[in-house]
C-alpha atoms as a PDB file:
ATOM      1  CA  MET A   1     -91.424 -74.424  27.354  1.00  0.00           C
ATOM      2  CA  CYS A   2     -88.699 -75.107  24.791  1.00  0.00           C
ATOM      3  CA  HIS A   3     -86.955 -78.376  25.619  1.00  0.00           C
ATOM      4  CA  GLY A   4     -90.168 -80.058  26.806  1.00  0.00           C
ATOM      5  CA  THR A   5     -90.694 -82.440  29.699  1.00  0.00           C
ATOM      6  CA  ASP A   6     -88.818 -85.127  27.756  1.00  0.00           C
ATOM      7  CA  ILE A   7     -85.896 -82.656  27.217  1.00  0.00           C
ATOM      8  CA  LYS A   8     -85.878 -83.577  23.522  1.00  0.00           C
ATOM      9  CA  GLY A   9     -86.733 -80.110  22.190  1.00  0.00           C
ATOM     10  CA  THR A  10     -90.441 -80.879  21.953  1.00  0.00           C
ATOM     11  CA  GLY A  11     -91.900 -78.116  24.124  1.00  0.00           C
ATOM     12  CA  PRO A  12     -94.642 -75.780  22.900  1.00  0.00           C
ATOM     13  CA  LEU A  13     -92.110 -73.090  21.934  1.00  0.00           C
ATOM     14  CA  ALA A  14     -89.489 -75.422  20.412  1.00  0.00           C
ATOM     15  CA  ASN A  15     -90.398 -74.573  16.825  1.00  0.00           C
ATOM     16  CA  LYS A  16     -90.232 -70.839  17.512  1.00  0.00           C
ATOM     17  CA  SER A  17     -86.606 -70.919  18.646  1.00  0.00           C
ATOM     18  CA  SER A  18     -83.792 -69.770  16.410  1.00  0.00           C
ATOM     19  CA  PRO A  19     -81.517 -71.673  16.399  1.00  0.00           C
ATOM     20  CA  PRO A  20     -83.783 -74.682  16.964  1.00  0.00           C
ATOM     21  CA  THR A  21     -84.164 -75.950  20.504  1.00  0.00           C
ATOM     22  CA  PRO A  22     -81.662 -78.783  20.944  1.00  0.00           C
ATOM     23  CA  ASP A  23     -82.513 -82.319  21.984  1.00  0.00           C
ATOM     24  CA  LEU A  24     -80.628 -82.669  25.271  1.00  0.00           C
ATOM     25  CA  THR A  25     -80.829 -86.466  25.041  1.00  0.00           C
ATOM     26  CA  SER A  26     -79.002 -86.714  21.710  1.00  0.00           C
ATOM     27  CA  SER A  27     -75.630 -88.413  21.583  1.00  0.00           C
ATOM     28  CA  ASN A  28     -74.177 -85.196  20.112  1.00  0.00           C
ATOM     29  CA  PHE A  29     -75.309 -83.114  23.081  1.00  0.00           C
ATOM     30  CA  LYS A  30     -74.179 -85.761  25.578  1.00  0.00           C
ATOM     31  CA  GLN A  31     -70.740 -85.768  23.910  1.00  0.00           C
ATOM     32  CA  ARG A  32     -70.653 -81.966  24.071  1.00  0.00           C
ATOM     33  CA  LEU A  33     -71.556 -82.129  27.769  1.00  0.00           C
ATOM     34  CA  LYS A  34     -68.786 -84.679  28.346  1.00  0.00           C
ATOM     35  CA  GLU A  35     -66.209 -82.572  26.491  1.00  0.00           C
ATOM     36  CA  TYR A  36     -67.332 -79.311  28.044  1.00  0.00           C
ATOM     37  CA  PRO A  37     -69.065 -79.909  31.394  1.00  0.00           C
ATOM     38  CA  GLY A  38     -69.936 -76.215  31.771  1.00  0.00           C
ATOM     39  CA  VAL A  39     -72.034 -76.063  28.589  1.00  0.00           C
ATOM     40  CA  ILE A  40     -75.322 -75.988  30.520  1.00  0.00           C
ATOM     41  CA  VAL A  41     -74.227 -73.232  32.860  1.00  0.00           C
ATOM     42  CA  SER A  42     -72.688 -71.213  30.043  1.00  0.00           C
ATOM     43  CA  SER A  43     -75.944 -71.405  28.095  1.00  0.00           C
ATOM     44  CA  VAL A  44     -77.657 -69.792  31.095  1.00  0.00           C
ATOM     45  CA  ILE A  45     -75.128 -67.106  31.967  1.00  0.00           C
ATOM     46  CA  LEU A  46     -73.622 -66.155  28.596  1.00  0.00           C
ATOM     47  CA  ARG A  47     -76.585 -64.297  27.177  1.00  0.00           C
ATOM     48  CA  PRO A  48     -76.388 -60.912  25.457  1.00  0.00           C
ATOM     49  CA  ASN A  49     -76.394 -57.978  27.856  1.00  0.00           C
ATOM     50  CA  GLY A  50     -76.460 -60.330  30.851  1.00  0.00           C
ATOM     51  CA  ASN A  51     -80.080 -61.232  30.098  1.00  0.00           C
ATOM     52  CA  LEU A  52     -80.841 -64.646  31.588  1.00  0.00           C
ATOM     53  CA  ILE A  53     -84.206 -65.085  29.867  1.00  0.00           C
ATOM     54  CA  PRO A  54     -83.983 -66.677  26.418  1.00  0.00           C
ATOM     55  CA  LYS A  55     -85.254 -64.470  23.580  1.00  0.00           C
ATOM     56  CA  THR A  56     -87.782 -67.113  22.486  1.00  0.00           C
ATOM     57  CA  LEU A  57     -89.435 -67.013  25.915  1.00  0.00           C
ATOM     58  CA  GLN A  58     -89.492 -63.215  26.003  1.00  0.00           C
ATOM     59  CA  GLU A  59     -91.012 -62.942  22.541  1.00  0.00           C
ATOM     60  CA  ASN A  60     -93.774 -65.369  23.513  1.00  0.00           C
ATOM     61  CA  GLY A  61     -94.718 -63.631  26.746  1.00  0.00           C
ATOM     62  CA  VAL A  62     -93.250 -66.166  29.162  1.00  0.00           C
ATOM     63  CA  LYS A  63     -92.453 -64.400  32.423  1.00  0.00           C
ATOM     64  CA  ILE A  64     -89.572 -65.597  34.574  1.00  0.00           C
ATOM     65  CA  PRO A  65     -88.953 -63.778  37.838  1.00  0.00           C
ATOM     66  CA  PRO A  66     -85.485 -62.278  38.213  1.00  0.00           C
ATOM     67  CA  HIS A  67     -83.031 -64.382  40.167  1.00  0.00           C
ATOM     68  CA  ALA A  68     -79.600 -63.448  41.451  1.00  0.00           C
ATOM     69  CA  TRP A  69     -77.633 -66.591  40.582  1.00  0.00           C
ATOM     70  CA  SER A  70     -74.940 -67.595  43.037  1.00  0.00           C
ATOM     71  CA  VAL A  71     -71.967 -69.757  42.116  1.00  0.00           C
ATOM     72  CA  GLN A  72     -73.586 -72.573  44.119  1.00  0.00           C
ATOM     73  CA  ASP A  73     -76.857 -72.173  42.174  1.00  0.00           C
ATOM     74  CA  LEU A  74     -74.958 -72.597  38.910  1.00  0.00           C
ATOM     75  CA  ARG A  75     -73.098 -75.640  40.260  1.00  0.00           C
ATOM     76  CA  ASP A  76     -76.396 -77.163  41.422  1.00  0.00           C
ATOM     77  CA  LEU A  77     -78.009 -76.479  38.027  1.00  0.00           C
ATOM     78  CA  ASN A  78     -75.117 -78.096  36.189  1.00  0.00           C
ATOM     79  CA  GLN A  79     -75.131 -81.141  38.471  1.00  0.00           C
ATOM     80  CA  TYR A  80     -78.896 -81.593  38.232  1.00  0.00           C
ATOM     81  CA  MET A  81     -79.110 -81.177  34.458  1.00  0.00           C
ATOM     82  CA  SER A  82     -76.061 -83.371  33.857  1.00  0.00           C
ATOM     83  CA  GLY A  83     -77.782 -86.100  35.878  1.00  0.00           C
ATOM     84  CA  VAL A  84     -81.087 -85.721  34.029  1.00  0.00           C
ATOM     85  CA  ILE A  85     -79.353 -85.807  30.648  1.00  0.00           C
ATOM     86  CA  ALA A  86     -77.157 -88.767  31.583  1.00  0.00           C
ATOM     87  CA  LYS A  87     -80.207 -90.777  32.690  1.00  0.00           C
ATOM     88  CA  SER A  88     -82.333 -89.924  29.648  1.00  0.00           C
ATOM     89  CA  ARG A  89     -83.167 -92.652  27.199  1.00  0.00           C
ATOM     90  CA  ARG A  90     -83.973 -92.200  23.568  1.00  0.00           C
ATOM     91  CA  ALA A  91     -87.395 -93.562  22.719  1.00  0.00           C
END
């Protein structure tokens, strides 16, 4: 909804996000991921009041079912997203 299928911050809610939805294929984000491998996981778990649903999604009526994240879930998420970002190509 925010990052878009191309993970470049082009989703239908990208322009409603504050701060703007980042382009996960940018060299800056890839460098950040390299320097801090947990950046993806921290963006999921370090939300105010433990809320895992981004404010932009909530304000636009996007419903995400609650999920009790395990340590393995967070490791899997980080591994998957790191792979997707590493393989992305700028158009």
